[in-house]
Amino acid sequence: MKLGRRKKETAAAVAIRPDHYDVIVSPIVTEKSTMASEYNKVLFNVRLDASKSDIKSAVEAVFGVKVAKVNTHVRQGKTRRFRNTIGRHSDVKKAIITLAEGQQINLEGGVK
């Protein structure tokens, strides 16, 4: 499956496609992300090959909210040693989603 640029979709015309569930890997629930929720921001782990437009359309379709802005950050995996074994943490792409005014995502409620 190749994720790429798509036509602009309005919030009302967004239909849930199967690849929307592939873009969002998991929500990030930490103390720092909870503090960011005061500023209408939600954090997700997303696929490494997902673009900002893919992330925006997936969040709008799955959670039914209007996204104002998407920022992304790729954390490079690091090599770690445990006893006599050398391992490597995988790369992780994080998306910081800024929601429009009045919009809210309840992460405890689950997904449609």
PDB file of N, CA and C in Angstrom:
ATOM      1  N   MET A   1       0.844  -1.165   0.000  1.00  0.00           N
ATOM      2  CA  MET A   1       0.000   0.000   0.000  1.00  0.00           C
ATOM      3  C   MET A   1       0.890   1.228   0.000  1.00  0.00           C
ATOM      4  N   LYS A   2       0.658   2.098  -0.947  1.00  0.00           N
ATOM      5  CA  LYS A   2       1.446   3.311  -1.046  1.00  0.00           C
ATOM      6  C   LYS A   2       0.609   4.488  -0.592  1.00  0.00           C
ATOM      7  N   LEU A   3       1.125   5.221   0.396  1.00  0.00           N
ATOM      8  CA  LEU A   3       0.446   6.414   0.870  1.00  0.00           C
ATOM      9  C   LEU A   3       1.066   7.609   0.175  1.00  0.00           C
ATOM     10  N   GLY A   4       0.254   8.502  -0.321  1.00  0.00           N
ATOM     11  CA  GLY A   4       0.795   9.661  -1.019  1.00  0.00           C
ATOM     12  C   GLY A   4      -0.177  10.808  -0.977  1.00  0.00           C
ATOM     13  N   ARG A   5       0.017  11.726  -1.883  1.00  0.00           N
ATOM     14  CA  ARG A   5      -0.841  12.906  -1.925  1.00  0.00           C
ATOM     15  C   ARG A   5      -2.195  12.541  -2.509  1.00  0.00           C
ATOM     16  N   ARG A   6      -3.224  13.121  -1.918  1.00  0.00           N
ATOM     17  CA  ARG A   6      -4.578  12.916  -2.401  1.00  0.00           C
ATOM     18  C   ARG A   6      -5.228  14.265  -2.588  1.00  0.00           C
ATOM     19  N   LYS A   7      -6.378  14.285  -3.236  1.00  0.00           N
ATOM     20  CA  LYS A   7      -7.130  15.518  -3.385  1.00  0.00           C
ATOM     21  C   LYS A   7      -7.588  15.991  -2.021  1.00  0.00           C
ATOM     22  N   LYS A   8      -7.768  17.308  -1.895  1.00  0.00           N
ATOM     23  CA  LYS A   8      -8.269  17.859  -0.641  1.00  0.00           C
ATOM     24  C   LYS A   8      -9.691  17.375  -0.413  1.00  0.00           C
ATOM     25  N   GLU A   9      -9.979  16.970   0.809  1.00  0.00           N
ATOM     26  CA  GLU A   9     -11.302  16.497   1.163  1.00  0.00           C
ATOM     27  C   GLU A   9     -11.873  17.422   2.225  1.00  0.00           C
ATOM     28  N   THR A  10     -13.138  17.722   2.100  1.00  0.00           N
ATOM     29  CA  THR A  10     -13.768  18.528   3.132  1.00  0.00           C
ATOM     30  C   THR A  10     -14.107  17.636   4.313  1.00  0.00           C
ATOM     31  N   ALA A  11     -14.301  18.244   5.470  1.00  0.00           N
ATOM     32  CA  ALA A  11     -14.569  17.471   6.691  1.00  0.00           C
ATOM     33  C   ALA A  11     -15.868  16.691   6.573  1.00  0.00           C
ATOM     34  N   ALA A  12     -16.861  17.244   5.879  1.00  0.00           N
ATOM     35  CA  ALA A  12     -18.141  16.559   5.754  1.00  0.00           C
ATOM     36  C   ALA A  12     -18.074  15.394   4.770  1.00  0.00           C
ATOM     37  N   ALA A  13     -17.163  15.487   3.790  1.00  0.00           N
ATOM     38  CA  ALA A  13     -17.102  14.472   2.749  1.00  0.00           C
ATOM     39  C   ALA A  13     -16.095  13.365   3.050  1.00  0.00           C
ATOM     40  N   VAL A  14     -15.507  13.376   4.217  1.00  0.00           N
ATOM     41  CA  VAL A  14     -14.494  12.377   4.552  1.00  0.00           C
ATOM     42  C   VAL A  14     -15.180  11.069   4.927  1.00  0.00           C
ATOM     43  N   ALA A  15     -14.863  10.021   4.191  1.00  0.00           N
ATOM     44  CA  ALA A  15     -15.381   8.692   4.500  1.00  0.00           C
ATOM     45  C   ALA A  15     -14.227   7.852   5.030  1.00  0.00           C
ATOM     46  N   ILE A  16     -14.527   6.958   5.935  1.00  0.00           N
ATOM     47  CA  ILE A  16     -13.486   6.125   6.524  1.00  0.00           C
ATOM     48  C   ILE A  16     -13.085   5.052   5.519  1.00  0.00           C
ATOM     49  N   ARG A  17     -11.805   5.057   5.159  1.00  0.00           N
ATOM     50  CA  ARG A  17     -11.251   4.031   4.283  1.00  0.00           C
ATOM     51  C   ARG A  17     -10.409   3.088   5.138  1.00  0.00           C
ATOM     52  N   PRO A  18     -10.199   1.862   4.693  1.00  0.00           N
ATOM     53  CA  PRO A  18      -9.395   0.920   5.500  1.00  0.00           C
ATOM     54  C   PRO A  18      -7.982   1.411   5.787  1.00  0.00           C
ATOM     55  N   ASP A  19      -7.390   2.195   4.864  1.00  0.00           N
ATOM     56  CA  ASP A  19      -6.020   2.649   5.108  1.00  0.00           C
ATOM     57  C   ASP A  19      -5.943   3.736   6.178  1.00  0.00           C
ATOM     58  N   HIS A  20      -7.067   4.343   6.560  1.00  0.00           N
ATOM     59  CA  HIS A  20      -7.041   5.308   7.659  1.00  0.00           C
ATOM     60  C   HIS A  20      -6.633   4.633   8.962  1.00  0.00           C
ATOM     61  N   TYR A  21      -7.072   3.408   9.166  1.00  0.00           N
ATOM     62  CA  TYR A  21      -6.714   2.685  10.380  1.00  0.00           C
ATOM     63  C   TYR A  21      -5.253   2.228  10.352  1.00  0.00           C
ATOM     64  N   ASP A  22      -4.654   2.161   9.164  1.00  0.00           N
ATOM     65  CA  ASP A  22      -3.246   1.782   9.064  1.00  0.00           C
ATOM     66  C   ASP A  22      -2.316   2.950   9.345  1.00  0.00           C
ATOM     67  N   VAL A  23      -2.779   4.166   9.135  1.00  0.00           N
ATOM     68  CA  VAL A  23      -1.933   5.349   9.322  1.00  0.00           C
ATOM     69  C   VAL A  23      -1.666   5.586  10.808  1.00  0.00           C
ATOM     70  N   ILE A  24      -2.712   5.557  11.622  1.00  0.00           N
ATOM     71  CA  ILE A  24      -2.571   5.810  13.061  1.00  0.00           C
ATOM     72  C   ILE A  24      -2.213   4.507  13.754  1.00  0.00           C
ATOM     73  N   VAL A  25      -1.035   4.464  14.374  1.00  0.00           N
ATOM     74  CA  VAL A  25      -0.587   3.242  15.041  1.00  0.00           C
ATOM     75  C   VAL A  25      -1.142   3.177  16.453  1.00  0.00           C
ATOM     76  N   SER A  26      -0.944   4.248  17.239  1.00  0.00           N
ATOM     77  CA  SER A  26      -1.429   4.256  18.620  1.00  0.00           C
ATOM     78  C   SER A  26      -1.433   5.683  19.153  1.00  0.00           C
ATOM     79  N   PRO A  27      -2.270   5.953  20.140  1.00  0.00           N
ATOM     80  CA  PRO A  27      -2.201   7.263  20.797  1.00  0.00           C
ATOM     81  C   PRO A  27      -1.037   7.287  21.787  1.00  0.00           C
ATOM     82  N   ILE A  28      -0.520   8.474  22.046  1.00  0.00           N
ATOM     83  CA  ILE A  28       0.535   8.636  23.039  1.00  0.00           C
ATOM     84  C   ILE A  28      -0.113   9.227  24.277  1.00  0.00           C
ATOM     85  N   VAL A  29      -0.134   8.458  25.357  1.00  0.00           N
ATOM     86  CA  VAL A  29      -0.737   8.922  26.603  1.00  0.00           C
ATOM     87  C   VAL A  29       0.362   8.992  27.653  1.00  0.00           C
ATOM     88  N   THR A  30       0.911  10.187  27.812  1.00  0.00           N
ATOM     89  CA  THR A  30       1.948  10.435  28.803  1.00  0.00           C
ATOM     90  C   THR A  30       1.577  11.710  29.557  1.00  0.00           C
ATOM     91  N   GLU A  31       2.361  12.034  30.546  1.00  0.00           N
ATOM     92  CA  GLU A  31       2.110  13.266  31.293  1.00  0.00           C
ATOM     93  C   GLU A  31       2.269  14.486  30.386  1.00  0.00           C
ATOM     94  N   LYS A  32       3.254  14.449  29.515  1.00  0.00           N
ATOM     95  CA  LYS A  32       3.499  15.568  28.616  1.00  0.00           C
ATOM     96  C   LYS A  32       2.369  15.727  27.592  1.00  0.00           C
ATOM     97  N   SER A  33       1.863  14.613  27.063  1.00  0.00           N
ATOM     98  CA  SER A  33       0.768  14.701  26.094  1.00  0.00           C
ATOM     99  C   SER A  33      -0.534  15.129  26.767  1.00  0.00           C
ATOM    100  N   THR A  34      -0.707  14.789  28.029  1.00  0.00           N
ATOM    101  CA  THR A  34      -1.881  15.226  28.765  1.00  0.00           C
ATOM    102  C   THR A  34      -1.843  16.742  28.982  1.00  0.00           C
ATOM    103  N   MET A  35      -0.662  17.287  29.247  1.00  0.00           N
ATOM    104  CA  MET A  35      -0.535  18.731  29.383  1.00  0.00           C
ATOM    105  C   MET A  35      -0.785  19.430  28.044  1.00  0.00           C
ATOM    106  N   ALA A  36      -0.410  18.790  26.941  1.00  0.00           N
ATOM    107  CA  ALA A  36      -0.638  19.381  25.614  1.00  0.00           C
ATOM    108  C   ALA A  36      -2.118  19.406  25.262  1.00  0.00           C
ATOM    109  N   SER A  37      -2.914  18.543  25.876  1.00  0.00           N
ATOM    110  CA  SER A  37      -4.342  18.518  25.575  1.00  0.00           C
ATOM    111  C   SER A  37      -5.043  19.797  26.040  1.00  0.00           C
ATOM    112  N   GLU A  38      -4.419  20.535  26.957  1.00  0.00           N
ATOM    113  CA  GLU A  38      -4.972  21.824  27.369  1.00  0.00           C
ATOM    114  C   GLU A  38      -4.939  22.837  26.234  1.00  0.00           C
ATOM    115  N   TYR A  39      -4.081  22.621  25.256  1.00  0.00           N
ATOM    116  CA  TYR A  39      -3.935  23.520  24.110  1.00  0.00           C
ATOM    117  C   TYR A  39      -4.542  22.910  22.848  1.00  0.00           C
ATOM    118  N   ASN A  40      -5.518  22.010  22.992  1.00  0.00           N
ATOM    119  CA  ASN A  40      -6.200  21.337  21.866  1.00  0.00           C
ATOM    120  C   ASN A  40      -5.227  20.515  21.028  1.00  0.00           C
ATOM    121  N   LYS A  41      -4.274  19.860  21.651  1.00  0.00           N
ATOM    122  CA  LYS A  41      -3.314  19.031  20.924  1.00  0.00           C
ATOM    123  C   LYS A  41      -3.430  17.586  21.386  1.00  0.00           C
ATOM    124  N   VAL A  42      -3.299  16.673  20.428  1.00  0.00           N
ATOM    125  CA  VAL A  42      -3.342  15.241  20.701  1.00  0.00           C
ATOM    126  C   VAL A  42      -2.147  14.620  19.995  1.00  0.00           C
ATOM    127  N   LEU A  43      -1.490  13.647  20.638  1.00  0.00           N
ATOM    128  CA  LEU A  43      -0.310  13.028  20.061  1.00  0.00           C
ATOM    129  C   LEU A  43      -0.598  11.578  19.681  1.00  0.00           C
ATOM    130  N   PHE A  44      -0.087  11.173  18.505  1.00  0.00           N
ATOM    131  CA  PHE A  44      -0.242   9.814  18.013  1.00  0.00           C
ATOM    132  C   PHE A  44       1.079   9.311  17.471  1.00  0.00           C
ATOM    133  N   ASN A  45       1.314   8.000  17.586  1.00  0.00           N
ATOM    134  CA  ASN A  45       2.361   7.334  16.833  1.00  0.00           C
ATOM    135  C   ASN A  45       1.753   6.979  15.483  1.00  0.00           C
ATOM    136  N   VAL A  46       2.461   7.289  14.399  1.00  0.00           N
ATOM    137  CA  VAL A  46       1.947   7.035  13.056  1.00  0.00           C
ATOM    138  C   VAL A  46       2.985   6.259  12.253  1.00  0.00           C
ATOM    139  N   ARG A  47       2.580   5.803  11.074  1.00  0.00           N
ATOM    140  CA  ARG A  47       3.509   5.073  10.206  1.00  0.00           C
ATOM    141  C   ARG A  47       4.624   5.990   9.739  1.00  0.00           C
ATOM    142  N   LEU A  48       5.792   5.415   9.502  1.00  0.00           N
ATOM    143  CA  LEU A  48       6.937   6.208   9.066  1.00  0.00           C
ATOM    144  C   LEU A  48       6.734   6.818   7.685  1.00  0.00           C
ATOM    145  N   ASP A  49       5.972   6.157   6.812  1.00  0.00           N
ATOM    146  CA  ASP A  49       5.797   6.657   5.446  1.00  0.00           C
ATOM    147  C   ASP A  49       4.539   7.501   5.275  1.00  0.00           C
ATOM    148  N   ALA A  50       3.851   7.840   6.365  1.00  0.00           N
ATOM    149  CA  ALA A  50       2.631   8.640   6.279  1.00  0.00           C
ATOM    150  C   ALA A  50       2.975  10.124   6.160  1.00  0.00           C
ATOM    151  N   SER A  51       2.297  10.809   5.239  1.00  0.00           N
ATOM    152  CA  SER A  51       2.506  12.248   5.086  1.00  0.00           C
ATOM    153  C   SER A  51       1.547  13.001   6.003  1.00  0.00           C
ATOM    154  N   LYS A  52       1.744  14.316   6.099  1.00  0.00           N
ATOM    155  CA  LYS A  52       0.890  15.123   6.961  1.00  0.00           C
ATOM    156  C   LYS A  52      -0.556  15.103   6.475  1.00  0.00           C
ATOM    157  N   SER A  53      -0.750  15.119   5.163  1.00  0.00           N
ATOM    158  CA  SER A  53      -2.121  15.090   4.635  1.00  0.00           C
ATOM    159  C   SER A  53      -2.789  13.745   4.900  1.00  0.00           C
ATOM    160  N   ASP A  54      -2.024  12.655   4.850  1.00  0.00           N
ATOM    161  CA  ASP A  54      -2.561  11.338   5.191  1.00  0.00           C
ATOM    162  C   ASP A  54      -2.997  11.291   6.649  1.00  0.00           C
ATOM    163  N   ILE A  55      -2.161  11.842   7.524  1.00  0.00           N
ATOM    164  CA  ILE A  55      -2.454  11.845   8.961  1.00  0.00           C
ATOM    165  C   ILE A  55      -3.695  12.688   9.241  1.00  0.00           C
ATOM    166  N   LYS A  56      -3.768  13.844   8.607  1.00  0.00           N
ATOM    167  CA  LYS A  56      -4.906  14.737   8.816  1.00  0.00           C
ATOM    168  C   LYS A  56      -6.214  14.076   8.382  1.00  0.00           C
ATOM    169  N   SER A  57      -6.229  13.476   7.197  1.00  0.00           N
ATOM    170  CA  SER A  57      -7.466  12.841   6.719  1.00  0.00           C
ATOM    171  C   SER A  57      -7.841  11.635   7.565  1.00  0.00           C
ATOM    172  N   ALA A  58      -6.849  10.892   8.076  1.00  0.00           N
ATOM    173  CA  ALA A  58      -7.133   9.728   8.909  1.00  0.00           C
ATOM    174  C   ALA A  58      -7.744  10.144  10.248  1.00  0.00           C
ATOM    175  N   VAL A  59      -7.191  11.174  10.880  1.00  0.00           N
ATOM    176  CA  VAL A  59      -7.720  11.626  12.171  1.00  0.00           C
ATOM    177  C   VAL A  59      -9.122  12.200  11.996  1.00  0.00           C
ATOM    178  N   GLU A  60      -9.334  12.977  10.930  1.00  0.00           N
ATOM    179  CA  GLU A  60     -10.660  13.551  10.694  1.00  0.00           C
ATOM    180  C   GLU A  60     -11.695  12.466  10.432  1.00  0.00           C
ATOM    181  N   ALA A  61     -11.310  11.422   9.696  1.00  0.00           N
ATOM    182  CA  ALA A  61     -12.264  10.362   9.371  1.00  0.00           C
ATOM    183  C   ALA A  61     -12.546   9.454  10.560  1.00  0.00           C
ATOM    184  N   VAL A  62     -11.517   9.039  11.267  1.00  0.00           N
ATOM    185  CA  VAL A  62     -11.680   8.065  12.341  1.00  0.00           C
ATOM    186  C   VAL A  62     -12.351   8.689  13.572  1.00  0.00           C
ATOM    187  N   PHE A  63     -11.934   9.900  13.939  1.00  0.00           N
ATOM    188  CA  PHE A  63     -12.450  10.513  15.155  1.00  0.00           C
ATOM    189  C   PHE A  63     -13.555  11.531  14.903  1.00  0.00           C
ATOM    190  N   GLY A  64     -13.792  11.910  13.660  1.00  0.00           N
ATOM    191  CA  GLY A  64     -14.865  12.836  13.339  1.00  0.00           C
ATOM    192  C   GLY A  64     -14.645  14.239  13.873  1.00  0.00           C
ATOM    193  N   VAL A  65     -13.410  14.743  13.806  1.00  0.00           N
ATOM    194  CA  VAL A  65     -13.083  16.083  14.284  1.00  0.00           C
ATOM    195  C   VAL A  65     -12.450  16.877  13.141  1.00  0.00           C
ATOM    196  N   LYS A  66     -12.325  18.181  13.324  1.00  0.00           N
ATOM    197  CA  LYS A  66     -11.675  19.057  12.357  1.00  0.00           C
ATOM    198  C   LYS A  66     -10.260  19.328  12.832  1.00  0.00           C
ATOM    199  N   VAL A  67      -9.269  19.035  11.991  1.00  0.00           N
ATOM    200  CA  VAL A  67      -7.860  19.218  12.328  1.00  0.00           C
ATOM    201  C   VAL A  67      -7.387  20.556  11.783  1.00  0.00           C
ATOM    202  N   ALA A  68      -6.768  21.368  12.640  1.00  0.00           N
ATOM    203  CA  ALA A  68      -6.248  22.666  12.219  1.00  0.00           C
ATOM    204  C   ALA A  68      -4.819  22.546  11.685  1.00  0.00           C
ATOM    205  N   LYS A  69      -3.989  21.728  12.346  1.00  0.00           N
ATOM    206  CA  LYS A  69      -2.578  21.655  11.974  1.00  0.00           C
ATOM    207  C   LYS A  69      -2.005  20.303  12.372  1.00  0.00           C
ATOM    208  N   VAL A  70      -1.005  19.847  11.607  1.00  0.00           N
ATOM    209  CA  VAL A  70      -0.311  18.593  11.910  1.00  0.00           C
ATOM    210  C   VAL A  70       1.189  18.854  11.901  1.00  0.00           C
ATOM    211  N   ASN A  71       1.849  18.530  12.996  1.00  0.00           N
ATOM    212  CA  ASN A  71       3.313  18.575  13.071  1.00  0.00           C
ATOM    213  C   ASN A  71       3.801  17.151  13.274  1.00  0.00           C
ATOM    214  N   THR A  72       4.935  16.818  12.647  1.00  0.00           N
ATOM    215  CA  THR A  72       5.474  15.466  12.783  1.00  0.00           C
ATOM    216  C   THR A  72       6.920  15.523  13.258  1.00  0.00           C
ATOM    217  N   HIS A  73       7.321  14.417  13.873  1.00  0.00           N
ATOM    218  CA  HIS A  73       8.678  14.294  14.381  1.00  0.00           C
ATOM    219  C   HIS A  73       9.075  12.831  14.297  1.00  0.00           C
ATOM    220  N   VAL A  74      10.245  12.549  13.717  1.00  0.00           N
ATOM    221  CA  VAL A  74      10.742  11.175  13.638  1.00  0.00           C
ATOM    222  C   VAL A  74      11.851  11.014  14.665  1.00  0.00           C
ATOM    223  N   ARG A  75      11.609  10.104  15.617  1.00  0.00           N
ATOM    224  CA  ARG A  75      12.634   9.802  16.615  1.00  0.00           C
ATOM    225  C   ARG A  75      13.432   8.620  16.098  1.00  0.00           C
ATOM    226  N   GLN A  76      14.719   8.801  15.902  1.00  0.00           N
ATOM    227  CA  GLN A  76      15.574   7.744  15.394  1.00  0.00           C
ATOM    228  C   GLN A  76      15.799   6.692  16.469  1.00  0.00           C
ATOM    229  N   GLY A  77      15.746   5.424  16.067  1.00  0.00           N
ATOM    230  CA  GLY A  77      15.986   4.333  17.006  1.00  0.00           C
ATOM    231  C   GLY A  77      17.433   4.300  17.451  1.00  0.00           C
ATOM    232  N   LYS A  78      17.641   3.856  18.656  1.00  0.00           N
ATOM    233  CA  LYS A  78      18.980   3.838  19.212  1.00  0.00           C
ATOM    234  C   LYS A  78      19.415   2.402  19.507  1.00  0.00           C
ATOM    235  N   THR A  79      20.711   2.176  19.488  1.00  0.00           N
ATOM    236  CA  THR A  79      21.260   0.873  19.825  1.00  0.00           C
ATOM    237  C   THR A  79      21.381   0.780  21.339  1.00  0.00           C
ATOM    238  N   ARG A  80      20.893  -0.313  21.878  1.00  0.00           N
ATOM    239  CA  ARG A  80      20.925  -0.532  23.322  1.00  0.00           C
ATOM    240  C   ARG A  80      21.524  -1.902  23.619  1.00  0.00           C
ATOM    241  N   ARG A  81      22.217  -1.963  24.754  1.00  0.00           N
ATOM    242  CA  ARG A  81      22.813  -3.224  25.170  1.00  0.00           C
ATOM    243  C   ARG A  81      22.079  -3.720  26.407  1.00  0.00           C
ATOM    244  N   PHE A  82      21.724  -5.006  26.401  1.00  0.00           N
ATOM    245  CA  PHE A  82      21.110  -5.647  27.561  1.00  0.00           C
ATOM    246  C   PHE A  82      21.884  -6.932  27.814  1.00  0.00           C
ATOM    247  N   ARG A  83      22.583  -6.972  28.921  1.00  0.00           N
ATOM    248  CA  ARG A  83      23.500  -8.068  29.252  1.00  0.00           C
ATOM    249  C   ARG A  83      24.513  -8.224  28.123  1.00  0.00           C
ATOM    250  N   ASN A  84      24.542  -9.371  27.459  1.00  0.00           N
ATOM    251  CA  ASN A  84      25.513  -9.562  26.383  1.00  0.00           C
ATOM    252  C   ASN A  84      24.885  -9.427  25.000  1.00  0.00           C
ATOM    253  N   THR A  85      23.676  -8.918  24.939  1.00  0.00           N
ATOM    254  CA  THR A  85      22.976  -8.821  23.663  1.00  0.00           C
ATOM    255  C   THR A  85      22.868  -7.357  23.243  1.00  0.00           C
ATOM    256  N   ILE A  86      23.169  -7.084  21.998  1.00  0.00           N
ATOM    257  CA  ILE A  86      23.021  -5.742  21.461  1.00  0.00           C
ATOM    258  C   ILE A  86      21.734  -5.718  20.646  1.00  0.00           C
ATOM    259  N   GLY A  87      20.857  -4.773  20.957  1.00  0.00           N
ATOM    260  CA  GLY A  87      19.590  -4.648  20.250  1.00  0.00           C
ATOM    261  C   GLY A  87      19.428  -3.240  19.722  1.00  0.00           C
ATOM    262  N   ARG A  88      18.330  -3.030  19.039  1.00  0.00           N
ATOM    263  CA  ARG A  88      18.081  -1.717  18.469  1.00  0.00           C
ATOM    264  C   ARG A  88      16.610  -1.374  18.612  1.00  0.00           C
ATOM    265  N   HIS A  89      16.326  -0.166  19.124  1.00  0.00           N
ATOM    266  CA  HIS A  89      14.958   0.333  19.155  1.00  0.00           C
ATOM    267  C   HIS A  89      14.603   0.791  17.741  1.00  0.00           C
ATOM    268  N   SER A  90      13.371   0.591  17.347  1.00  0.00           N
ATOM    269  CA  SER A  90      12.974   0.978  15.998  1.00  0.00           C
ATOM    270  C   SER A  90      12.691   2.477  15.931  1.00  0.00           C
ATOM    271  N   ASP A  91      12.718   3.021  14.702  1.00  0.00           N
ATOM    272  CA  ASP A  91      12.375   4.419  14.496  1.00  0.00           C
ATOM    273  C   ASP A  91      10.879   4.611  14.727  1.00  0.00           C
ATOM    274  N   VAL A  92      10.500   5.763  15.276  1.00  0.00           N
ATOM    275  CA  VAL A  92       9.100   6.046  15.579  1.00  0.00           C
ATOM    276  C   VAL A  92       8.768   7.431  15.041  1.00  0.00           C
ATOM    277  N   LYS A  93       7.644   7.540  14.334  1.00  0.00           N
ATOM    278  CA  LYS A  93       7.172   8.837  13.866  1.00  0.00           C
ATOM    279  C   LYS A  93       6.002   9.264  14.740  1.00  0.00           C
ATOM    280  N   LYS A  94       6.107  10.469  15.303  1.00  0.00           N
ATOM    281  CA  LYS A  94       5.059  11.000  16.158  1.00  0.00           C
ATOM    282  C   LYS A  94       4.362  12.130  15.426  1.00  0.00           C
ATOM    283  N   ALA A  95       3.047  12.223  15.598  1.00  0.00           N
ATOM    284  CA  ALA A  95       2.275  13.314  15.012  1.00  0.00           C
ATOM    285  C   ALA A  95       1.625  14.103  16.135  1.00  0.00           C
ATOM    286  N   ILE A  96       1.815  15.413  16.093  1.00  0.00           N
ATOM    287  CA  ILE A  96       1.177  16.305  17.053  1.00  0.00           C
ATOM    288  C   ILE A  96       0.029  16.974  16.307  1.00  0.00           C
ATOM    289  N   ILE A  97      -1.190  16.609  16.661  1.00  0.00           N
ATOM    290  CA  ILE A  97      -2.385  17.081  15.979  1.00  0.00           C
ATOM    291  C   ILE A  97      -2.965  18.258  16.762  1.00  0.00           C
ATOM    292  N   THR A  98      -3.100  19.412  16.112  1.00  0.00           N
ATOM    293  CA  THR A  98      -3.762  20.563  16.718  1.00  0.00           C
ATOM    294  C   THR A  98      -5.185  20.589  16.186  1.00  0.00           C
ATOM    295  N   LEU A  99      -6.147  20.493  17.094  1.00  0.00           N
ATOM    296  CA  LEU A  99      -7.556  20.466  16.711  1.00  0.00           C
ATOM    297  C   LEU A  99      -8.096  21.879  16.594  1.00  0.00           C
ATOM    298  N   ALA A 100      -9.144  22.040  15.790  1.00  0.00           N
ATOM    299  CA  ALA A 100      -9.807  23.335  15.656  1.00  0.00           C
ATOM    300  C   ALA A 100     -10.509  23.676  16.969  1.00  0.00           C
ATOM    301  N   GLU A 101     -10.831  24.946  17.151  1.00  0.00           N
ATOM    302  CA  GLU A 101     -11.493  25.392  18.374  1.00  0.00           C
ATOM    303  C   GLU A 101     -12.798  24.632  18.600  1.00  0.00           C
ATOM    304  N   GLY A 102     -13.007  24.190  19.822  1.00  0.00           N
ATOM    305  CA  GLY A 102     -14.235  23.492  20.174  1.00  0.00           C
ATOM    306  C   GLY A 102     -14.221  22.006  19.879  1.00  0.00           C
ATOM    307  N   GLN A 103     -13.188  21.488  19.208  1.00  0.00           N
ATOM    308  CA  GLN A 103     -13.089  20.074  18.886  1.00  0.00           C
ATOM    309  C   GLN A 103     -12.369  19.350  20.021  1.00  0.00           C
ATOM    310  N   GLN A 104     -12.676  18.061  20.187  1.00  0.00           N
ATOM    311  CA  GLN A 104     -12.088  17.291  21.272  1.00  0.00           C
ATOM    312  C   GLN A 104     -12.063  15.817  20.883  1.00  0.00           C
ATOM    313  N   ILE A 105     -11.016  15.112  21.275  1.00  0.00           N
ATOM    314  CA  ILE A 105     -10.915  13.669  21.070  1.00  0.00           C
ATOM    315  C   ILE A 105     -10.851  13.020  22.442  1.00  0.00           C
ATOM    316  N   ASN A 106     -11.749  12.067  22.678  1.00  0.00           N
ATOM    317  CA  ASN A 106     -11.753  11.320  23.925  1.00  0.00           C
ATOM    318  C   ASN A 106     -11.053   9.989  23.660  1.00  0.00           C
ATOM    319  N   LEU A 107      -9.831   9.820  24.137  1.00  0.00           N
ATOM    320  CA  LEU A 107      -9.053   8.613  23.863  1.00  0.00           C
ATOM    321  C   LEU A 107      -9.526   7.425  24.687  1.00  0.00           C
ATOM    322  N   GLU A 108     -10.256   7.641  25.761  1.00  0.00           N
ATOM    323  CA  GLU A 108     -10.745   6.529  26.570  1.00  0.00           C
ATOM    324  C   GLU A 108     -11.943   5.862  25.921  1.00  0.00           C
ATOM    325  N   GLY A 109     -12.617   6.561  25.021  1.00  0.00           N
ATOM    326  CA  GLY A 109     -13.860   6.050  24.424  1.00  0.00           C
ATOM    327  C   GLY A 109     -13.658   5.045  23.321  1.00  0.00           C
ATOM    328  N   GLY A 110     -12.466   4.933  22.746  1.00  0.00           N
ATOM    329  CA  GLY A 110     -12.232   4.004  21.666  1.00  0.00           C
ATOM    330  C   GLY A 110     -12.443   4.651  20.309  1.00  0.00           C
ATOM    331  N   VAL A 111     -12.440   3.819  19.278  1.00  0.00           N
ATOM    332  CA  VAL A 111     -12.552   4.267  17.888  1.00  0.00           C
ATOM    333  C   VAL A 111     -13.832   3.745  17.303  1.00  0.00           C
ATOM    334  N   LYS A 112     -14.407   4.489  16.339  1.00  0.00           N
ATOM    335  CA  LYS A 112     -15.646   4.024  15.674  1.00  0.00           C
ATOM    336  C   LYS A 112     -15.425   2.721  14.969  1.00  0.00           C
TER     337      LYS A 112
END
